[in-house]
N, C-alpha and C. Protein backbone atom coordinates (compact mmCIF):
# COMPACT_ATOMS: atom_id res chain seq x y z
N MET A 1 56.35 125.90 130.44
CA MET A 1 57.50 125.91 131.30
C MET A 1 58.30 127.15 130.98
N SER A 2 58.51 128.00 131.96
CA SER A 2 59.25 129.24 131.72
C SER A 2 60.68 129.07 132.19
N GLU A 3 61.56 129.82 131.54
CA GLU A 3 62.97 129.78 131.93
C GLU A 3 63.21 130.90 132.93
N SER A 4 63.21 130.55 134.17
CA SER A 4 63.46 131.57 135.19
C SER A 4 64.57 131.09 136.11
N ALA A 5 65.22 132.05 136.75
CA ALA A 5 66.32 131.74 137.65
C ALA A 5 65.75 131.19 138.94
N PRO A 6 66.48 130.32 139.64
CA PRO A 6 66.00 129.81 140.93
C PRO A 6 65.81 130.98 141.90
N PRO A 7 64.95 130.79 142.89
CA PRO A 7 64.71 131.88 143.84
C PRO A 7 66.00 132.32 144.51
N GLY A 8 66.16 133.62 144.67
CA GLY A 8 67.34 134.17 145.33
C GLY A 8 68.50 134.42 144.38
N ARG A 9 68.40 133.99 143.14
CA ARG A 9 69.47 134.22 142.17
C ARG A 9 68.93 135.01 141.01
N LYS A 10 69.78 135.89 140.53
CA LYS A 10 69.39 136.65 139.36
C LYS A 10 69.81 135.91 138.10
N ARG A 11 69.00 136.02 137.13
CA ARG A 11 69.31 135.43 135.84
C ARG A 11 70.43 136.24 135.19
N PRO A 12 71.50 135.56 134.66
CA PRO A 12 72.59 136.32 134.05
C PRO A 12 72.09 137.09 132.84
N ARG A 13 72.63 138.26 132.71
CA ARG A 13 72.24 139.10 131.60
C ARG A 13 73.15 138.79 130.40
N VAL A 14 72.53 138.55 129.29
CA VAL A 14 73.26 138.23 128.07
C VAL A 14 73.11 139.39 127.11
N THR A 15 74.24 139.86 126.62
CA THR A 15 74.17 140.91 125.62
C THR A 15 74.77 140.38 124.34
N VAL A 16 74.20 140.76 123.26
CA VAL A 16 74.68 140.33 121.95
C VAL A 16 75.18 141.55 121.23
N ALA A 17 76.45 141.45 120.80
CA ALA A 17 77.03 142.58 120.06
C ALA A 17 76.39 142.63 118.68
N PRO A 18 76.13 143.81 118.20
CA PRO A 18 75.55 143.90 116.86
C PRO A 18 76.56 143.42 115.82
N ALA A 19 76.05 142.84 114.75
CA ALA A 19 76.91 142.36 113.67
C ALA A 19 77.54 143.56 112.99
N PRO A 20 78.79 143.40 112.56
CA PRO A 20 79.42 144.51 111.86
C PRO A 20 78.71 144.76 110.53
N PRO A 21 78.79 145.98 110.05
CA PRO A 21 78.14 146.25 108.77
C PRO A 21 78.71 145.36 107.68
N THR A 22 77.85 144.90 106.78
CA THR A 22 78.30 143.98 105.74
C THR A 22 79.18 144.64 104.70
N SER A 23 79.17 145.95 104.60
CA SER A 23 79.98 146.62 103.58
C SER A 23 81.44 146.73 104.01
N VAL A 24 81.77 146.50 105.28
CA VAL A 24 83.14 146.61 105.76
C VAL A 24 83.70 145.19 105.88
N PRO A 25 84.76 144.84 105.12
CA PRO A 25 85.32 143.48 105.24
C PRO A 25 85.99 143.30 106.60
N LEU A 26 85.88 142.10 107.15
CA LEU A 26 86.49 141.80 108.45
C LEU A 26 88.00 141.73 108.35
N GLU A 27 88.52 141.23 107.25
CA GLU A 27 89.96 141.15 107.05
C GLU A 27 90.24 141.34 105.57
N PRO A 28 91.46 141.73 105.23
CA PRO A 28 91.75 141.94 103.81
C PRO A 28 91.69 140.62 103.05
N PRO A 29 91.37 140.67 101.76
CA PRO A 29 91.32 139.41 100.98
C PRO A 29 92.70 138.77 100.92
N ARG A 30 92.72 137.45 100.96
CA ARG A 30 93.97 136.70 100.91
C ARG A 30 94.25 136.28 99.47
N PRO A 31 95.52 136.22 99.09
CA PRO A 31 95.83 135.74 97.74
C PRO A 31 95.51 134.25 97.66
N LYS A 32 95.06 133.82 96.49
CA LYS A 32 94.73 132.41 96.28
C LYS A 32 96.03 131.60 96.22
N VAL A 33 96.08 130.51 96.99
CA VAL A 33 97.27 129.66 97.04
C VAL A 33 97.02 128.47 96.12
N VAL A 34 97.95 128.22 95.22
CA VAL A 34 97.85 127.09 94.30
C VAL A 34 98.81 126.02 94.80
N VAL A 35 98.30 124.82 95.03
CA VAL A 35 99.10 123.71 95.55
C VAL A 35 99.32 122.70 94.42
N ALA A 36 100.55 122.21 94.30
CA ALA A 36 100.86 121.21 93.28
C ALA A 36 100.03 119.95 93.54
N PRO A 37 99.56 119.31 92.48
CA PRO A 37 98.70 118.13 92.66
C PRO A 37 99.48 116.87 93.01
N SER A 38 99.99 116.79 94.22
CA SER A 38 100.64 115.57 94.67
C SER A 38 99.85 115.05 95.86
N PRO A 39 99.76 113.72 95.99
CA PRO A 39 98.96 113.19 97.10
C PRO A 39 99.61 113.48 98.44
N PRO A 40 98.80 113.63 99.48
CA PRO A 40 99.38 113.80 100.82
C PRO A 40 100.24 112.58 101.16
N PHE A 41 101.30 112.79 101.94
CA PHE A 41 102.24 111.72 102.24
C PHE A 41 101.56 110.45 102.73
N LEU A 42 100.64 110.56 103.67
CA LEU A 42 100.01 109.37 104.23
C LEU A 42 99.08 108.67 103.26
N LEU A 43 98.68 109.34 102.18
CA LEU A 43 97.80 108.73 101.19
C LEU A 43 98.53 108.36 99.92
N ASP A 44 99.84 108.56 99.88
CA ASP A 44 100.63 108.23 98.70
C ASP A 44 100.73 106.71 98.62
N PHE A 45 100.26 106.14 97.52
CA PHE A 45 100.23 104.69 97.36
C PHE A 45 101.64 104.09 97.28
N PHE A 46 102.58 104.84 96.70
CA PHE A 46 103.92 104.32 96.48
C PHE A 46 104.87 104.82 97.57
N PRO A 47 105.69 103.93 98.14
CA PRO A 47 106.56 104.33 99.24
C PRO A 47 107.73 105.20 98.81
N LEU A 48 108.28 105.93 99.79
CA LEU A 48 109.52 106.67 99.56
C LEU A 48 110.63 105.66 99.36
N GLN A 49 111.59 105.97 98.48
CA GLN A 49 112.48 104.92 98.03
C GLN A 49 113.96 105.19 98.21
N GLY A 50 114.34 106.36 98.66
CA GLY A 50 115.75 106.70 98.80
C GLY A 50 116.41 106.06 100.00
N ALA A 51 117.73 105.99 99.97
CA ALA A 51 118.49 105.40 101.08
C ALA A 51 118.27 106.15 102.38
N GLY A 52 117.98 107.44 102.32
CA GLY A 52 117.70 108.22 103.52
C GLY A 52 116.31 107.98 104.09
N GLN A 53 115.45 107.28 103.33
CA GLN A 53 114.07 107.07 103.77
C GLN A 53 113.74 105.61 104.10
N THR A 54 114.53 104.67 103.56
CA THR A 54 114.24 103.25 103.83
C THR A 54 115.51 102.43 103.75
N ARG A 55 115.57 101.41 104.57
CA ARG A 55 116.70 100.48 104.52
C ARG A 55 116.55 99.49 103.37
N LEU A 56 115.45 99.56 102.66
CA LEU A 56 115.21 98.68 101.51
C LEU A 56 115.42 99.42 100.19
N SER A 57 116.21 100.45 100.18
CA SER A 57 116.41 101.24 98.96
C SER A 57 117.00 100.40 97.82
N ARG A 58 117.73 99.34 98.13
CA ARG A 58 118.28 98.48 97.07
C ARG A 58 117.17 97.84 96.25
N PHE A 59 116.04 97.53 96.88
CA PHE A 59 114.89 96.98 96.14
C PHE A 59 114.46 97.97 95.06
N TYR A 60 114.35 99.24 95.42
CA TYR A 60 113.90 100.26 94.48
C TYR A 60 114.98 100.60 93.45
N ASP A 61 116.26 100.56 93.86
CA ASP A 61 117.35 100.77 92.91
C ASP A 61 117.31 99.67 91.84
N ARG A 62 117.07 98.45 92.26
CA ARG A 62 117.00 97.33 91.31
C ARG A 62 115.77 97.46 90.42
N LEU A 63 114.66 97.97 90.95
CA LEU A 63 113.49 98.21 90.10
C LEU A 63 113.83 99.20 88.99
N LYS A 64 114.58 100.24 89.33
CA LYS A 64 114.97 101.24 88.32
C LYS A 64 115.85 100.61 87.24
N GLU A 65 116.54 99.52 87.58
CA GLU A 65 117.34 98.78 86.60
C GLU A 65 116.48 97.78 85.83
N GLY A 66 115.20 97.68 86.16
CA GLY A 66 114.31 96.74 85.48
C GLY A 66 114.29 95.36 86.12
N ARG A 67 114.81 95.24 87.33
CA ARG A 67 114.89 93.95 88.02
C ARG A 67 113.97 93.96 89.24
N VAL A 68 113.09 92.96 89.32
CA VAL A 68 112.24 92.80 90.50
C VAL A 68 112.91 91.76 91.38
N SER A 69 113.22 92.12 92.61
CA SER A 69 114.02 91.25 93.47
C SER A 69 113.45 91.22 94.87
N THR A 70 114.04 90.36 95.67
CA THR A 70 113.68 90.27 97.08
C THR A 70 114.89 89.78 97.86
N THR A 71 114.70 89.49 99.14
CA THR A 71 115.82 89.05 99.98
C THR A 71 115.68 87.57 100.31
N ARG A 72 116.86 86.96 100.54
CA ARG A 72 116.94 85.56 100.97
C ARG A 72 117.97 85.49 102.08
N CYS A 73 117.68 84.69 103.09
CA CYS A 73 118.61 84.50 104.20
C CYS A 73 119.58 83.38 103.83
N PRO A 74 120.89 83.65 103.83
CA PRO A 74 121.85 82.59 103.50
C PRO A 74 121.97 81.53 104.59
N ARG A 75 121.58 81.85 105.82
CA ARG A 75 121.65 80.87 106.93
C ARG A 75 120.61 79.78 106.79
N ASP A 76 119.35 80.19 106.58
CA ASP A 76 118.27 79.18 106.56
C ASP A 76 117.61 79.04 105.19
N GLY A 77 118.04 79.83 104.20
CA GLY A 77 117.53 79.69 102.85
C GLY A 77 116.14 80.28 102.61
N GLU A 78 115.57 80.94 103.61
CA GLU A 78 114.22 81.51 103.47
C GLU A 78 114.22 82.66 102.48
N VAL A 79 113.24 82.61 101.56
CA VAL A 79 113.02 83.70 100.62
C VAL A 79 111.89 84.54 101.20
N HIS A 80 112.07 85.86 101.22
CA HIS A 80 111.11 86.74 101.89
C HIS A 80 110.37 87.62 100.89
N TRP A 81 109.10 87.80 101.11
CA TRP A 81 108.33 88.83 100.39
C TRP A 81 107.37 89.43 101.37
N PRO A 82 107.35 90.73 101.49
CA PRO A 82 108.22 91.68 100.80
C PRO A 82 109.65 91.58 101.31
N PRO A 83 110.59 92.23 100.61
CA PRO A 83 111.99 92.19 101.07
C PRO A 83 112.10 92.66 102.52
N ARG A 84 113.06 92.12 103.23
CA ARG A 84 113.23 92.43 104.65
C ARG A 84 114.62 92.97 104.93
N VAL A 85 114.77 93.56 106.10
CA VAL A 85 116.10 93.97 106.55
C VAL A 85 116.65 92.96 107.55
N ALA A 86 115.80 92.05 108.04
CA ALA A 86 116.21 90.99 108.95
C ALA A 86 115.36 89.75 108.67
N CYS A 87 115.96 88.59 108.80
CA CYS A 87 115.25 87.34 108.58
C CYS A 87 114.24 87.11 109.71
N PRO A 88 112.98 86.84 109.39
CA PRO A 88 112.00 86.61 110.45
C PRO A 88 112.16 85.26 111.15
N ILE A 89 113.00 84.38 110.60
CA ILE A 89 113.23 83.07 111.21
C ILE A 89 114.39 83.12 112.20
N CYS A 90 115.58 83.53 111.70
CA CYS A 90 116.79 83.52 112.55
C CYS A 90 117.19 84.91 113.04
N HIS A 91 116.50 85.94 112.56
CA HIS A 91 116.74 87.34 112.95
C HIS A 91 118.09 87.88 112.48
N GLY A 92 118.76 87.16 111.57
CA GLY A 92 120.01 87.65 111.02
C GLY A 92 119.76 88.79 110.04
N GLU A 93 120.71 89.72 109.98
CA GLU A 93 120.57 90.87 109.08
C GLU A 93 121.48 90.77 107.86
N GLU A 94 122.15 89.65 107.68
CA GLU A 94 123.05 89.45 106.53
C GLU A 94 122.26 88.80 105.41
N LEU A 95 121.34 89.52 104.82
CA LEU A 95 120.50 88.97 103.76
C LEU A 95 121.10 89.26 102.39
N GLU A 96 120.81 88.38 101.43
CA GLU A 96 121.29 88.59 100.07
C GLU A 96 120.10 88.91 99.16
N TRP A 97 120.38 89.66 98.10
CA TRP A 97 119.35 90.04 97.15
C TRP A 97 119.32 89.04 96.01
N ILE A 98 118.11 88.59 95.66
CA ILE A 98 117.94 87.66 94.54
C ILE A 98 116.87 88.22 93.60
N ASP A 99 117.04 87.97 92.31
CA ASP A 99 116.03 88.36 91.33
C ASP A 99 114.88 87.36 91.38
N LEU A 100 113.68 87.86 91.22
CA LEU A 100 112.50 87.00 91.19
C LEU A 100 112.27 86.46 89.78
N PRO A 101 111.60 85.30 89.67
CA PRO A 101 111.27 84.80 88.33
C PRO A 101 110.41 85.83 87.59
N GLU A 102 110.59 85.90 86.28
CA GLU A 102 109.87 86.90 85.49
C GLU A 102 108.43 86.48 85.17
N HIS A 103 108.13 85.20 85.24
CA HIS A 103 106.80 84.72 84.85
C HIS A 103 106.06 84.08 86.01
N GLY A 104 104.76 84.09 85.89
CA GLY A 104 103.90 83.46 86.89
C GLY A 104 102.51 83.26 86.31
N ARG A 105 101.62 82.76 87.17
CA ARG A 105 100.23 82.52 86.75
C ARG A 105 99.28 83.18 87.76
N ILE A 106 98.19 83.70 87.23
CA ILE A 106 97.19 84.37 88.09
C ILE A 106 96.55 83.33 89.00
N TYR A 107 96.64 83.54 90.28
CA TYR A 107 96.00 82.68 91.29
C TYR A 107 94.58 83.18 91.57
N ALA A 108 94.42 84.50 91.65
CA ALA A 108 93.11 85.13 91.89
C ALA A 108 93.22 86.57 91.43
N PHE A 109 92.08 87.16 91.05
CA PHE A 109 92.11 88.56 90.64
C PHE A 109 90.75 89.19 90.90
N SER A 110 90.76 90.51 90.87
CA SER A 110 89.54 91.29 91.06
C SER A 110 89.69 92.57 90.25
N ALA A 111 88.58 93.27 90.09
CA ALA A 111 88.61 94.54 89.36
C ALA A 111 88.38 95.68 90.33
N VAL A 112 89.11 96.75 90.13
CA VAL A 112 88.86 97.99 90.86
C VAL A 112 87.94 98.81 89.97
N LEU A 113 86.68 98.92 90.39
CA LEU A 113 85.66 99.61 89.59
C LEU A 113 85.38 101.01 90.11
N GLY A 114 85.82 101.30 91.31
CA GLY A 114 85.64 102.61 91.93
C GLY A 114 86.46 102.67 93.19
N GLY A 115 86.63 103.85 93.73
CA GLY A 115 87.38 104.00 94.98
C GLY A 115 88.85 103.69 94.83
N ALA A 116 89.43 104.03 93.68
CA ALA A 116 90.85 103.76 93.44
C ALA A 116 91.72 104.67 94.32
N PRO A 117 92.95 104.24 94.61
CA PRO A 117 93.86 105.10 95.37
C PRO A 117 94.11 106.42 94.65
N LEU A 118 94.53 107.44 95.40
CA LEU A 118 94.84 108.74 94.82
C LEU A 118 95.80 108.58 93.65
N GLY A 119 95.52 109.29 92.58
CA GLY A 119 96.36 109.24 91.40
C GLY A 119 96.01 108.14 90.43
N MET A 120 95.11 107.24 90.82
CA MET A 120 94.72 106.14 89.94
C MET A 120 93.25 106.21 89.54
N GLU A 121 92.58 107.29 89.92
CA GLU A 121 91.15 107.40 89.65
C GLU A 121 90.85 107.34 88.15
N ALA A 122 91.70 107.92 87.32
CA ALA A 122 91.46 107.94 85.88
C ALA A 122 91.67 106.57 85.23
N ASP A 123 92.32 105.64 85.95
CA ASP A 123 92.61 104.32 85.40
C ASP A 123 91.47 103.33 85.58
N VAL A 124 90.48 103.67 86.38
CA VAL A 124 89.37 102.76 86.68
C VAL A 124 88.60 102.47 85.40
N PRO A 125 88.21 101.24 85.12
CA PRO A 125 88.47 100.02 85.89
C PRO A 125 89.84 99.42 85.54
N PHE A 126 90.44 98.74 86.52
CA PHE A 126 91.68 98.01 86.29
C PHE A 126 91.70 96.78 87.18
N ALA A 127 92.57 95.83 86.83
CA ALA A 127 92.63 94.56 87.55
C ALA A 127 93.79 94.54 88.53
N VAL A 128 93.58 93.88 89.67
CA VAL A 128 94.62 93.57 90.64
C VAL A 128 94.50 92.09 90.95
N GLY A 129 95.60 91.48 91.35
CA GLY A 129 95.49 90.06 91.62
C GLY A 129 96.69 89.49 92.35
N LEU A 130 96.54 88.22 92.70
CA LEU A 130 97.60 87.42 93.30
C LEU A 130 98.20 86.56 92.21
N VAL A 131 99.54 86.52 92.15
CA VAL A 131 100.24 85.77 91.12
C VAL A 131 101.23 84.82 91.78
N ASP A 132 101.16 83.54 91.40
CA ASP A 132 102.14 82.55 91.82
C ASP A 132 103.32 82.64 90.86
N LEU A 133 104.51 82.95 91.38
CA LEU A 133 105.70 83.06 90.53
C LEU A 133 106.24 81.67 90.21
N ALA A 134 106.60 81.46 88.94
CA ALA A 134 107.09 80.16 88.47
C ALA A 134 108.38 79.78 89.20
N GLY A 135 108.43 78.56 89.74
CA GLY A 135 109.63 78.08 90.40
C GLY A 135 109.96 78.76 91.71
N SER A 136 108.98 79.40 92.32
CA SER A 136 109.21 80.14 93.56
C SER A 136 108.07 79.86 94.53
N PRO A 137 108.35 79.90 95.84
CA PRO A 137 107.27 79.72 96.81
C PRO A 137 106.43 80.99 97.02
N LEU A 138 106.75 82.05 96.28
CA LEU A 138 106.11 83.34 96.53
C LEU A 138 104.83 83.53 95.71
N ARG A 139 103.88 84.19 96.35
CA ARG A 139 102.64 84.64 95.70
C ARG A 139 102.56 86.13 95.95
N LEU A 140 102.64 86.93 94.89
CA LEU A 140 102.68 88.38 95.00
C LEU A 140 101.36 89.00 94.59
N PHE A 141 101.07 90.15 95.20
CA PHE A 141 99.89 90.93 94.85
C PHE A 141 100.32 92.13 94.02
N GLY A 142 99.54 92.45 93.02
CA GLY A 142 99.86 93.65 92.24
C GLY A 142 98.83 93.91 91.17
N ARG A 143 99.04 94.99 90.49
CA ARG A 143 98.17 95.39 89.39
C ARG A 143 98.47 94.52 88.17
N ILE A 144 97.43 94.19 87.41
CA ILE A 144 97.59 93.38 86.20
C ILE A 144 97.19 94.23 85.00
N GLU A 145 98.13 94.43 84.10
CA GLU A 145 97.93 95.23 82.88
C GLU A 145 97.91 94.31 81.67
N GLY A 146 97.66 94.89 80.52
CA GLY A 146 97.82 94.14 79.27
C GLY A 146 96.53 93.69 78.61
N ARG A 147 95.48 93.58 79.38
CA ARG A 147 94.17 93.29 78.79
C ARG A 147 93.10 93.67 79.79
N PRO A 148 91.87 93.89 79.32
CA PRO A 148 90.79 94.29 80.24
C PRO A 148 90.54 93.21 81.29
N TRP A 149 90.09 93.63 82.46
CA TRP A 149 89.85 92.67 83.55
C TRP A 149 88.81 91.63 83.14
N THR A 150 87.90 91.99 82.26
CA THR A 150 86.86 91.05 81.82
C THR A 150 87.43 89.93 80.97
N ALA A 151 88.65 90.08 80.43
CA ALA A 151 89.26 89.05 79.59
C ALA A 151 90.27 88.19 80.35
N LEU A 152 90.50 88.48 81.63
CA LEU A 152 91.44 87.69 82.43
C LEU A 152 90.78 86.42 82.94
N LYS A 153 91.62 85.39 83.15
CA LYS A 153 91.15 84.13 83.74
C LYS A 153 92.17 83.64 84.77
N ILE A 154 91.70 82.96 85.77
CA ILE A 154 92.60 82.32 86.72
C ILE A 154 93.45 81.32 85.94
N GLY A 155 94.75 81.32 86.19
CA GLY A 155 95.67 80.46 85.48
C GLY A 155 96.36 81.12 84.30
N ASP A 156 95.90 82.32 83.89
CA ASP A 156 96.56 83.03 82.80
C ASP A 156 98.01 83.33 83.16
N GLU A 157 98.88 83.26 82.16
CA GLU A 157 100.29 83.55 82.38
C GLU A 157 100.51 85.07 82.35
N VAL A 158 101.36 85.54 83.27
CA VAL A 158 101.73 86.96 83.35
C VAL A 158 103.24 87.07 83.49
N ARG A 159 103.73 88.25 83.18
CA ARG A 159 105.14 88.58 83.37
C ARG A 159 105.21 89.72 84.38
N ILE A 160 106.11 89.62 85.34
CA ILE A 160 106.30 90.72 86.29
C ILE A 160 107.25 91.72 85.66
N GLU A 161 106.96 93.00 85.85
CA GLU A 161 107.81 94.03 85.25
C GLU A 161 107.92 95.23 86.17
N ALA A 162 109.07 95.88 86.10
CA ALA A 162 109.27 97.14 86.80
C ALA A 162 108.81 98.24 85.86
N TYR A 163 108.29 99.32 86.41
CA TYR A 163 107.90 100.45 85.57
C TYR A 163 108.15 101.75 86.32
N PRO A 164 108.50 102.81 85.56
CA PRO A 164 108.80 104.10 86.19
C PRO A 164 107.51 104.86 86.51
N LEU A 165 107.54 105.59 87.62
CA LEU A 165 106.46 106.49 87.98
C LEU A 165 106.82 107.89 87.48
N ALA A 166 105.83 108.75 87.34
CA ALA A 166 106.05 110.09 86.80
C ALA A 166 107.02 110.92 87.64
N ASP A 167 107.11 110.65 88.94
CA ASP A 167 107.97 111.46 89.82
C ASP A 167 109.38 110.89 89.98
N GLY A 168 109.75 109.88 89.19
CA GLY A 168 111.09 109.32 89.25
C GLY A 168 111.22 108.06 90.07
N ARG A 169 110.20 107.72 90.85
CA ARG A 169 110.24 106.47 91.59
C ARG A 169 109.88 105.31 90.66
N SER A 170 109.98 104.08 91.13
CA SER A 170 109.64 102.89 90.35
C SER A 170 108.77 101.97 91.19
N PHE A 171 108.03 101.12 90.50
CA PHE A 171 107.25 100.08 91.18
C PHE A 171 107.12 98.89 90.24
N TYR A 172 106.42 97.84 90.65
CA TYR A 172 106.26 96.66 89.80
C TYR A 172 104.78 96.44 89.51
N ARG A 173 104.52 95.67 88.46
CA ARG A 173 103.17 95.27 88.10
C ARG A 173 103.30 93.99 87.28
N PHE A 174 102.16 93.42 86.95
CA PHE A 174 102.13 92.22 86.11
C PHE A 174 101.53 92.58 84.77
N ARG A 175 102.01 91.91 83.71
CA ARG A 175 101.47 92.12 82.38
C ARG A 175 100.98 90.77 81.87
N ALA A 176 99.70 90.72 81.48
CA ALA A 176 99.10 89.49 80.94
C ALA A 176 99.76 89.16 79.61
N LEU A 177 100.06 87.89 79.40
CA LEU A 177 100.68 87.43 78.16
C LEU A 177 99.66 86.67 77.32
N GLY A 178 99.94 86.61 76.04
CA GLY A 178 99.10 85.83 75.12
C GLY A 178 97.79 86.42 74.73
């Protein structure tokens, strides 16, 4: 099968420009740019925490004080997790801040053996889990520290704690007891 133009039409002529000589650079060399090792915003595991970035900045301010807290609606008594700016039941925005119980028990857990979020790759393996807080209807998810994941058991007692991040922000985690 030959590639020919239909009758009455000429085949378009294609010309190829010769490649420039390899000894002549196409553009001047660029200086190497060094970028600080911070995760891209959309891949940052920890949220922005300032009052200019979130209406929940009090949660993060309290974490910096060592207090893990959430919101409760004074109208209907609902305790919310994660903290809210409006009650999902009555839609009121007059919420109060309450401290969460410091202790709980592991409801379920798993190990992160690979594919950790940015900035946590060196920590692999580590445990994450669901914890039922003592005297509270809440079950929270978070990282579990304090012993290897292979030594954890469902029902183990943990303490919730706030901890500082290297960049000045704070977050919470659980620490296995005993």
